[in-house]
Amino acid sequence: MTVLGERFGARVDRVAAAQSLRILIVVAVVPAAYATLGVHGSDLYIPGSRAFAPGGFVLLMAATAAGGALAAALRVPNAFMLGSLAVAIR
């Protein structure tokens, strides 16, 4: 958000403060409110895989780096974050 704010002439310090406050509310207040109200999901918990494949990890890192480089070449804001996410999402 600060990159977009800077691009459109906003005060970066205020944008950063607003985003920090938003994250604080989402991380601290919302879970506390859900716990207080007794709200919970109905899905069963299924633990994820514990196997680690080094070759797959290297391939993932190379693919996300390439996605970031492509996004940077296309002049996308926050290229290495958004490009990597676009490649890694499934």
PDB file of N, CA and C in Angstrom:
ATOM      1  N   MET A   1       0.823  -1.185   0.000  1.00  0.00           N
ATOM      2  CA  MET A   1       0.000   0.000   0.000  1.00  0.00           C
ATOM      3  C   MET A   1       0.872   1.255   0.000  1.00  0.00           C
ATOM      4  N   THR A   2       1.997   1.181   0.684  1.00  0.00           N
ATOM      5  CA  THR A   2       2.849   2.371   0.695  1.00  0.00           C
ATOM      6  C   THR A   2       3.407   2.666  -0.694  1.00  0.00           C
ATOM      7  N   VAL A   3       3.690   1.629  -1.458  1.00  0.00           N
ATOM      8  CA  VAL A   3       4.180   1.848  -2.818  1.00  0.00           C
ATOM      9  C   VAL A   3       3.101   2.529  -3.657  1.00  0.00           C
ATOM     10  N   LEU A   4       1.868   2.045  -3.549  1.00  0.00           N
ATOM     11  CA  LEU A   4       0.780   2.676  -4.290  1.00  0.00           C
ATOM     12  C   LEU A   4       0.529   4.096  -3.783  1.00  0.00           C
ATOM     13  N   GLY A   5       0.582   4.278  -2.468  1.00  0.00           N
ATOM     14  CA  GLY A   5       0.395   5.618  -1.920  1.00  0.00           C
ATOM     15  C   GLY A   5       1.448   6.586  -2.410  1.00  0.00           C
ATOM     16  N   GLU A   6       2.690   6.137  -2.428  1.00  0.00           N
ATOM     17  CA  GLU A   6       3.775   6.983  -2.909  1.00  0.00           C
ATOM     18  C   GLU A   6       3.581   7.301  -4.396  1.00  0.00           C
ATOM     19  N   ARG A   7       3.138   6.315  -5.150  1.00  0.00           N
ATOM     20  CA  ARG A   7       2.929   6.511  -6.584  1.00  0.00           C
ATOM     21  C   ARG A   7       1.859   7.569  -6.850  1.00  0.00           C
ATOM     22  N   PHE A   8       0.836   7.640  -6.000  1.00  0.00           N
ATOM     23  CA  PHE A   8      -0.261   8.575  -6.213  1.00  0.00           C
ATOM     24  C   PHE A   8      -0.172   9.818  -5.332  1.00  0.00           C
ATOM     25  N   GLY A   9       0.992  10.054  -4.727  1.00  0.00           N
ATOM     26  CA  GLY A   9       1.234  11.298  -4.024  1.00  0.00           C
ATOM     27  C   GLY A   9       0.765  11.353  -2.578  1.00  0.00           C
ATOM     28  N   ALA A  10       0.472  10.220  -1.970  1.00  0.00           N
ATOM     29  CA  ALA A  10       0.046  10.220  -0.565  1.00  0.00           C
ATOM     30  C   ALA A  10       1.266  10.328   0.347  1.00  0.00           C
ATOM     31  N   ARG A  11       1.005  10.674   1.583  1.00  0.00           N
ATOM     32  CA  ARG A  11       2.081  10.712   2.579  1.00  0.00           C
ATOM     33  C   ARG A  11       2.344   9.289   3.036  1.00  0.00           C
ATOM     34  N   VAL A  12       3.538   8.808   2.763  1.00  0.00           N
ATOM     35  CA  VAL A  12       3.889   7.414   3.019  1.00  0.00           C
ATOM     36  C   VAL A  12       3.804   7.086   4.508  1.00  0.00           C
ATOM     37  N   ASP A  13       4.168   8.029   5.376  1.00  0.00           N
ATOM     38  CA  ASP A  13       4.116   7.754   6.815  1.00  0.00           C
ATOM     39  C   ASP A  13       2.687   7.499   7.289  1.00  0.00           C
ATOM     40  N   ARG A  14       1.738   8.241   6.751  1.00  0.00           N
ATOM     41  CA  ARG A  14       0.335   8.028   7.139  1.00  0.00           C
ATOM     42  C   ARG A  14      -0.220   6.719   6.577  1.00  0.00           C
ATOM     43  N   VAL A  15       0.166   6.390   5.366  1.00  0.00           N
ATOM     44  CA  VAL A  15      -0.283   5.127   4.772  1.00  0.00           C
ATOM     45  C   VAL A  15       0.276   3.955   5.580  1.00  0.00           C
ATOM     46  N   ALA A  16       1.548   4.018   5.940  1.00  0.00           N
ATOM     47  CA  ALA A  16       2.165   2.944   6.724  1.00  0.00           C
ATOM     48  C   ALA A  16       1.506   2.823   8.098  1.00  0.00           C
ATOM     49  N   ALA A  17       1.202   3.943   8.732  1.00  0.00           N
ATOM     50  CA  ALA A  17       0.538   3.905  10.037  1.00  0.00           C
ATOM     51  C   ALA A  17      -0.865   3.314   9.919  1.00  0.00           C
ATOM     52  N   ALA A  18      -1.596   3.703   8.888  1.00  0.00           N
ATOM     53  CA  ALA A  18      -2.949   3.174   8.691  1.00  0.00           C
ATOM     54  C   ALA A  18      -2.912   1.671   8.420  1.00  0.00           C
ATOM     55  N   GLN A  19      -1.971   1.213   7.619  1.00  0.00           N
ATOM     56  CA  GLN A  19      -1.874  -0.218   7.330  1.00  0.00           C
ATOM     57  C   GLN A  19      -1.437  -1.006   8.566  1.00  0.00           C
ATOM     58  N   SER A  20      -0.553  -0.443   9.363  1.00  0.00           N
ATOM     59  CA  SER A  20      -0.146  -1.106  10.612  1.00  0.00           C
ATOM     60  C   SER A  20      -1.323  -1.231  11.567  1.00  0.00           C
ATOM     61  N   LEU A  21      -2.133  -0.192  11.662  1.00  0.00           N
ATOM     62  CA  LEU A  21      -3.323  -0.243  12.514  1.00  0.00           C
ATOM     63  C   LEU A  21      -4.326  -1.267  11.992  1.00  0.00           C
ATOM     64  N   ARG A  22      -4.501  -1.320  10.689  1.00  0.00           N
ATOM     65  CA  ARG A  22      -5.410  -2.311  10.093  1.00  0.00           C
ATOM     66  C   ARG A  22      -4.958  -3.730  10.393  1.00  0.00           C
ATOM     67  N   ILE A  23      -3.675  -3.989  10.259  1.00  0.00           N
ATOM     68  CA  ILE A  23      -3.144  -5.325  10.544  1.00  0.00           C
ATOM     69  C   ILE A  23      -3.287  -5.652  12.022  1.00  0.00           C
ATOM     70  N   LEU A  24      -3.050  -4.682  12.897  1.00  0.00           N
ATOM     71  CA  LEU A  24      -3.221  -4.897  14.339  1.00  0.00           C
ATOM     72  C   LEU A  24      -4.658  -5.286  14.654  1.00  0.00           C
ATOM     73  N   ILE A  25      -5.611  -4.602  14.044  1.00  0.00           N
ATOM     74  CA  ILE A  25      -7.022  -4.919  14.289  1.00  0.00           C
ATOM     75  C   ILE A  25      -7.346  -6.326  13.800  1.00  0.00           C
ATOM     76  N   VAL A  26      -6.888  -6.652  12.604  1.00  0.00           N
ATOM     77  CA  VAL A  26      -7.196  -7.971  12.043  1.00  0.00           C
ATOM     78  C   VAL A  26      -6.550  -9.084  12.861  1.00  0.00           C
ATOM     79  N   VAL A  27      -5.326  -8.875  13.316  1.00  0.00           N
ATOM     80  CA  VAL A  27      -4.595  -9.936  14.016  1.00  0.00           C
ATOM     81  C   VAL A  27      -4.991 -10.034  15.489  1.00  0.00           C
ATOM     82  N   ALA A  28      -5.318  -8.926  16.137  1.00  0.00           N
ATOM     83  CA  ALA A  28      -5.597  -8.956  17.572  1.00  0.00           C
ATOM     84  C   ALA A  28      -7.084  -8.917  17.911  1.00  0.00           C
ATOM     85  N   VAL A  29      -7.809  -8.038  17.291  1.00  0.00           N
ATOM     86  CA  VAL A  29      -9.201  -7.818  17.690  1.00  0.00           C
ATOM     87  C   VAL A  29     -10.150  -8.873  17.119  1.00  0.00           C
ATOM     88  N   VAL A  30     -10.019  -9.181  15.846  1.00  0.00           N
ATOM     89  CA  VAL A  30     -10.954 -10.116  15.215  1.00  0.00           C
ATOM     90  C   VAL A  30     -10.901 -11.502  15.857  1.00  0.00           C
ATOM     91  N   PRO A  31      -9.717 -12.122  16.049  1.00  0.00           N
ATOM     92  CA  PRO A  31      -9.708 -13.432  16.707  1.00  0.00           C
ATOM     93  C   PRO A  31     -10.251 -13.390  18.136  1.00  0.00           C
ATOM     94  N   ALA A  32      -9.970 -12.320  18.865  1.00  0.00           N
ATOM     95  CA  ALA A  32     -10.505 -12.196  20.225  1.00  0.00           C
ATOM     96  C   ALA A  32     -12.029 -12.098  20.199  1.00  0.00           C
ATOM     97  N   ALA A  33     -12.567 -11.370  19.239  1.00  0.00           N
ATOM     98  CA  ALA A  33     -14.023 -11.258  19.118  1.00  0.00           C
ATOM     99  C   ALA A  33     -14.636 -12.608  18.751  1.00  0.00           C
ATOM    100  N   TYR A  34     -14.012 -13.336  17.854  1.00  0.00           N
ATOM    101  CA  TYR A  34     -14.521 -14.666  17.490  1.00  0.00           C
ATOM    102  C   TYR A  34     -14.490 -15.603  18.688  1.00  0.00           C
ATOM    103  N   ALA A  35     -13.413 -15.574  19.460  1.00  0.00           N
ATOM    104  CA  ALA A  35     -13.312 -16.438  20.639  1.00  0.00           C
ATOM    105  C   ALA A  35     -14.357 -16.060  21.680  1.00  0.00           C
ATOM    106  N   THR A  36     -14.577 -14.765  21.870  1.00  0.00           N
ATOM    107  CA  THR A  36     -15.562 -14.306  22.837  1.00  0.00           C
ATOM    108  C   THR A  36     -16.978 -14.711  22.428  1.00  0.00           C
ATOM    109  N   LEU A  37     -17.263 -14.615  21.143  1.00  0.00           N
ATOM    110  CA  LEU A  37     -18.592 -14.954  20.645  1.00  0.00           C
ATOM    111  C   LEU A  37     -18.780 -16.457  20.426  1.00  0.00           C
ATOM    112  N   GLY A  38     -17.704 -17.224  20.519  1.00  0.00           N
ATOM    113  CA  GLY A  38     -17.793 -18.666  20.334  1.00  0.00           C
ATOM    114  C   GLY A  38     -17.960 -19.076  18.878  1.00  0.00           C
ATOM    115  N   VAL A  39     -17.552 -18.221  17.971  1.00  0.00           N
ATOM    116  CA  VAL A  39     -17.670 -18.516  16.549  1.00  0.00           C
ATOM    117  C   VAL A  39     -16.507 -19.416  16.129  1.00  0.00           C
ATOM    118  N   HIS A  40     -16.808 -20.471  15.403  1.00  0.00           N
ATOM    119  CA  HIS A  40     -15.753 -21.356  14.911  1.00  0.00           C
ATOM    120  C   HIS A  40     -16.203 -21.994  13.607  1.00  0.00           C
ATOM    121  N   GLY A  41     -15.259 -22.535  12.899  1.00  0.00           N
ATOM    122  CA  GLY A  41     -15.567 -23.175  11.623  1.00  0.00           C
ATOM    123  C   GLY A  41     -16.087 -24.587  11.824  1.00  0.00           C
ATOM    124  N   SER A  42     -16.611 -25.157  10.757  1.00  0.00           N
ATOM    125  CA  SER A  42     -17.147 -26.511  10.838  1.00  0.00           C
ATOM    126  C   SER A  42     -16.292 -27.526  10.088  1.00  0.00           C
ATOM    127  N   ASP A  43     -15.225 -27.073   9.432  1.00  0.00           N
ATOM    128  CA  ASP A  43     -14.364 -27.989   8.697  1.00  0.00           C
ATOM    129  C   ASP A  43     -13.491 -28.792   9.643  1.00  0.00           C
ATOM    130  N   LEU A  44     -13.257 -30.042   9.291  1.00  0.00           N
ATOM    131  CA  LEU A  44     -12.350 -30.874  10.063  1.00  0.00           C
ATOM    132  C   LEU A  44     -10.916 -30.463   9.760  1.00  0.00           C
ATOM    133  N   TYR A  45     -10.066 -30.520  10.774  1.00  0.00           N
ATOM    134  CA  TYR A  45      -8.652 -30.184  10.597  1.00  0.00           C
ATOM    135  C   TYR A  45      -7.926 -31.380   9.997  1.00  0.00           C
ATOM    136  N   ILE A  46      -7.248 -31.144   8.886  1.00  0.00           N
ATOM    137  CA  ILE A  46      -6.447 -32.182   8.252  1.00  0.00           C
ATOM    138  C   ILE A  46      -5.018 -31.662   8.193  1.00  0.00           C
ATOM    139  N   PRO A  47      -4.096 -32.278   8.918  1.00  0.00           N
ATOM    140  CA  PRO A  47      -2.720 -31.785   8.912  1.00  0.00           C
ATOM    141  C   PRO A  47      -2.098 -31.865   7.517  1.00  0.00           C
ATOM    142  N   GLY A  48      -1.245 -30.927   7.222  1.00  0.00           N
ATOM    143  CA  GLY A  48      -0.578 -30.904   5.925  1.00  0.00           C
ATOM    144  C   GLY A  48       0.527 -31.939   5.840  1.00  0.00           C
ATOM    145  N   SER A  49       1.099 -32.036   4.676  1.00  0.00           N
ATOM    146  CA  SER A  49       2.167 -32.991   4.430  1.00  0.00           C
ATOM    147  C   SER A  49       3.425 -32.567   5.183  1.00  0.00           C
ATOM    148  N   ARG A  50       4.175 -33.534   5.668  1.00  0.00           N
ATOM    149  CA  ARG A  50       5.425 -33.233   6.368  1.00  0.00           C
ATOM    150  C   ARG A  50       6.640 -33.582   5.534  1.00  0.00           C
ATOM    151  N   ALA A  51       6.429 -34.111   4.350  1.00  0.00           N
ATOM    152  CA  ALA A  51       7.549 -34.482   3.491  1.00  0.00           C
ATOM    153  C   ALA A  51       8.139 -33.236   2.844  1.00  0.00           C
ATOM    154  N   PHE A  52       9.448 -33.205   2.736  1.00  0.00           N
ATOM    155  CA  PHE A  52      10.140 -32.086   2.101  1.00  0.00           C
ATOM    156  C   PHE A  52      10.964 -32.632   0.946  1.00  0.00           C
ATOM    157  N   ALA A  53      10.715 -32.101  -0.245  1.00  0.00           N
ATOM    158  CA  ALA A  53      11.462 -32.517  -1.431  1.00  0.00           C
ATOM    159  C   ALA A  53      12.391 -31.377  -1.843  1.00  0.00           C
ATOM    160  N   PRO A  54      13.700 -31.524  -1.601  1.00  0.00           N
ATOM    161  CA  PRO A  54      14.633 -30.444  -1.946  1.00  0.00           C
ATOM    162  C   PRO A  54      14.579 -30.053  -3.425  1.00  0.00           C
ATOM    163  N   GLY A  55      14.420 -31.031  -4.312  1.00  0.00           N
ATOM    164  CA  GLY A  55      14.348 -30.711  -5.743  1.00  0.00           C
ATOM    165  C   GLY A  55      13.131 -29.872  -6.077  1.00  0.00           C
ATOM    166  N   GLY A  56      11.999 -30.214  -5.474  1.00  0.00           N
ATOM    167  CA  GLY A  56      10.791 -29.427  -5.683  1.00  0.00           C
ATOM    168  C   GLY A  56      10.919 -28.023  -5.131  1.00  0.00           C
ATOM    169  N   PHE A  57      11.623 -27.901  -3.997  1.00  0.00           N
ATOM    170  CA  PHE A  57      11.841 -26.585  -3.394  1.00  0.00           C
ATOM    171  C   PHE A  57      12.695 -25.711  -4.304  1.00  0.00           C
ATOM    172  N   VAL A  58      13.754 -26.285  -4.851  1.00  0.00           N
ATOM    173  CA  VAL A  58      14.620 -25.531  -5.766  1.00  0.00           C
ATOM    174  C   VAL A  58      13.834 -25.106  -7.013  1.00  0.00           C
ATOM    175  N   LEU A  59      13.008 -26.006  -7.532  1.00  0.00           N
ATOM    176  CA  LEU A  59      12.175 -25.671  -8.682  1.00  0.00           C
ATOM    177  C   LEU A  59      11.191 -24.548  -8.353  1.00  0.00           C
ATOM    178  N   LEU A  60      10.582 -24.608  -7.181  1.00  0.00           N
ATOM    179  CA  LEU A  60       9.659 -23.555  -6.756  1.00  0.00           C
ATOM    180  C   LEU A  60      10.374 -22.213  -6.620  1.00  0.00           C
ATOM    181  N   MET A  61      11.554 -22.204  -6.027  1.00  0.00           N
ATOM    182  CA  MET A  61      12.303 -20.953  -5.878  1.00  0.00           C
ATOM    183  C   MET A  61      12.690 -20.377  -7.242  1.00  0.00           C
ATOM    184  N   ALA A  62      13.103 -21.244  -8.176  1.00  0.00           N
ATOM    185  CA  ALA A  62      13.461 -20.767  -9.516  1.00  0.00           C
ATOM    186  C   ALA A  62      12.237 -20.206 -10.239  1.00  0.00           C
ATOM    187  N   ALA A  63      11.104 -20.896 -10.118  1.00  0.00           N
ATOM    188  CA  ALA A  63       9.886 -20.431 -10.789  1.00  0.00           C
ATOM    189  C   ALA A  63       9.401 -19.112 -10.207  1.00  0.00           C
ATOM    190  N   THR A  64       9.438 -18.966  -8.894  1.00  0.00           N
ATOM    191  CA  THR A  64       8.982 -17.712  -8.299  1.00  0.00           C
ATOM    192  C   THR A  64       9.939 -16.564  -8.604  1.00  0.00           C
ATOM    193  N   ALA A  65      11.235 -16.849  -8.671  1.00  0.00           N
ATOM    194  CA  ALA A  65      12.188 -15.805  -9.063  1.00  0.00           C
ATOM    195  C   ALA A  65      11.947 -15.373 -10.504  1.00  0.00           C
ATOM    196  N   ALA A  66      11.651 -16.332 -11.370  1.00  0.00           N
ATOM    197  CA  ALA A  66      11.348 -15.991 -12.771  1.00  0.00           C
ATOM    198  C   ALA A  66      10.059 -15.179 -12.865  1.00  0.00           C
ATOM    199  N   GLY A  67       9.049 -15.538 -12.061  1.00  0.00           N
ATOM    200  CA  GLY A  67       7.807 -14.760 -12.042  1.00  0.00           C
ATOM    201  C   GLY A  67       8.042 -13.340 -11.564  1.00  0.00           C
ATOM    202  N   GLY A  68       8.882 -13.183 -10.555  1.00  0.00           N
ATOM    203  CA  GLY A  68       9.220 -11.849 -10.073  1.00  0.00           C
ATOM    204  C   GLY A  68       9.984 -11.036 -11.107  1.00  0.00           C
ATOM    205  N   ALA A  69      10.917 -11.688 -11.798  1.00  0.00           N
ATOM    206  CA  ALA A  69      11.684 -10.999 -12.839  1.00  0.00           C
ATOM    207  C   ALA A  69      10.784 -10.584 -13.995  1.00  0.00           C
ATOM    208  N   LEU A  70       9.839 -11.454 -14.363  1.00  0.00           N
ATOM    209  CA  LEU A  70       8.891 -11.102 -15.427  1.00  0.00           C
ATOM    210  C   LEU A  70       8.019  -9.920 -15.017  1.00  0.00           C
ATOM    211  N   ALA A  71       7.533  -9.938 -13.779  1.00  0.00           N
ATOM    212  CA  ALA A  71       6.714  -8.829 -13.292  1.00  0.00           C
ATOM    213  C   ALA A  71       7.532  -7.533 -13.242  1.00  0.00           C
ATOM    214  N   ALA A  72       8.803  -7.640 -12.859  1.00  0.00           N
ATOM    215  CA  ALA A  72       9.663  -6.451 -12.842  1.00  0.00           C
ATOM    216  C   ALA A  72       9.872  -5.915 -14.250  1.00  0.00           C
ATOM    217  N   ALA A  73      10.023  -6.825 -15.220  1.00  0.00           N
ATOM    218  CA  ALA A  73      10.196  -6.391 -16.602  1.00  0.00           C
ATOM    219  C   ALA A  73       8.934  -5.707 -17.129  1.00  0.00           C
ATOM    220  N   LEU A  74       7.776  -6.137 -16.604  1.00  0.00           N
ATOM    221  CA  LEU A  74       6.510  -5.512 -16.996  1.00  0.00           C
ATOM    222  C   LEU A  74       6.186  -4.282 -16.154  1.00  0.00           C
ATOM    223  N   ARG A  75       7.101  -3.914 -15.261  1.00  0.00           N
ATOM    224  CA  ARG A  75       6.984  -2.733 -14.393  1.00  0.00           C
ATOM    225  C   ARG A  75       5.760  -2.798 -13.480  1.00  0.00           C
ATOM    226  N   VAL A  76       5.494  -3.975 -12.924  1.00  0.00           N
ATOM    227  CA  VAL A  76       4.414  -4.167 -11.963  1.00  0.00           C
ATOM    228  C   VAL A  76       4.905  -3.669 -10.605  1.00  0.00           C
ATOM    229  N   PRO A  77       4.089  -2.894  -9.864  1.00  0.00           N
ATOM    230  CA  PRO A  77       4.511  -2.476  -8.529  1.00  0.00           C
ATOM    231  C   PRO A  77       4.678  -3.704  -7.629  1.00  0.00           C
ATOM    232  N   ASN A  78       5.680  -3.678  -6.758  1.00  0.00           N
ATOM    233  CA  ASN A  78       5.994  -4.812  -5.872  1.00  0.00           C
ATOM    234  C   ASN A  78       6.173  -6.086  -6.692  1.00  0.00           C
ATOM    235  N   ALA A  79       6.969  -5.990  -7.718  1.00  0.00           N
ATOM    236  CA  ALA A  79       7.078  -7.048  -8.721  1.00  0.00           C
ATOM    237  C   ALA A  79       7.471  -8.399  -8.134  1.00  0.00           C
ATOM    238  N   PHE A  80       8.460  -8.426  -7.270  1.00  0.00           N
ATOM    239  CA  PHE A  80       8.924  -9.724  -6.786  1.00  0.00           C
ATOM    240  C   PHE A  80       7.967 -10.343  -5.781  1.00  0.00           C
ATOM    241  N   MET A  81       7.141  -9.557  -5.167  1.00  0.00           N
ATOM    242  CA  MET A  81       6.121 -10.134  -4.292  1.00  0.00           C
ATOM    243  C   MET A  81       4.939 -10.631  -5.124  1.00  0.00           C
ATOM    244  N   LEU A  82       4.396  -9.782  -5.977  1.00  0.00           N
ATOM    245  CA  LEU A  82       3.222 -10.148  -6.763  1.00  0.00           C
ATOM    246  C   LEU A  82       3.535 -11.192  -7.832  1.00  0.00           C
ATOM    247  N   GLY A  83       4.695 -11.074  -8.478  1.00  0.00           N
ATOM    248  CA  GLY A  83       5.073 -12.057  -9.486  1.00  0.00           C
ATOM    249  C   GLY A  83       5.298 -13.428  -8.874  1.00  0.00           C
ATOM    250  N   SER A  84       5.948 -13.474  -7.729  1.00  0.00           N
ATOM    251  CA  SER A  84       6.176 -14.746  -7.052  1.00  0.00           C
ATOM    252  C   SER A  84       4.870 -15.362  -6.579  1.00  0.00           C
ATOM    253  N   LEU A  85       3.984 -14.540  -6.038  1.00  0.00           N
ATOM    254  CA  LEU A  85       2.685 -15.052  -5.606  1.00  0.00           C
ATOM    255  C   LEU A  85       1.872 -15.586  -6.781  1.00  0.00           C
ATOM    256  N   ALA A  86       1.935 -14.895  -7.905  1.00  0.00           N
ATOM    257  CA  ALA A  86       1.183 -15.337  -9.076  1.00  0.00           C
ATOM    258  C   ALA A  86       1.673 -16.706  -9.554  1.00  0.00           C
ATOM    259  N   VAL A  87       2.970 -16.948  -9.455  1.00  0.00           N
ATOM    260  CA  VAL A  87       3.522 -18.232  -9.881  1.00  0.00           C
ATOM    261  C   VAL A  87       3.208 -19.323  -8.857  1.00  0.00           C
ATOM    262  N   ALA A  88       3.328 -19.008  -7.577  1.00  0.00           N
ATOM    263  CA  ALA A  88       3.191 -20.022  -6.524  1.00  0.00           C
ATOM    264  C   ALA A  88       1.754 -20.377  -6.198  1.00  0.00           C
ATOM    265  N   ILE A  89       0.806 -19.536  -6.583  1.00  0.00           N
ATOM    266  CA  ILE A  89      -0.599 -19.780  -6.242  1.00  0.00           C
ATOM    267  C   ILE A  89      -1.112 -20.974  -7.034  1.00  0.00           C
ATOM    268  N   ARG A  90      -1.949 -21.762  -6.432  1.00  0.00           N
ATOM    269  CA  ARG A  90      -2.551 -22.873  -7.191  1.00  0.00           C
ATOM    270  C   ARG A  90      -3.931 -23.159  -6.727  1.00  0.00           C
TER     271      ARG A  90
END
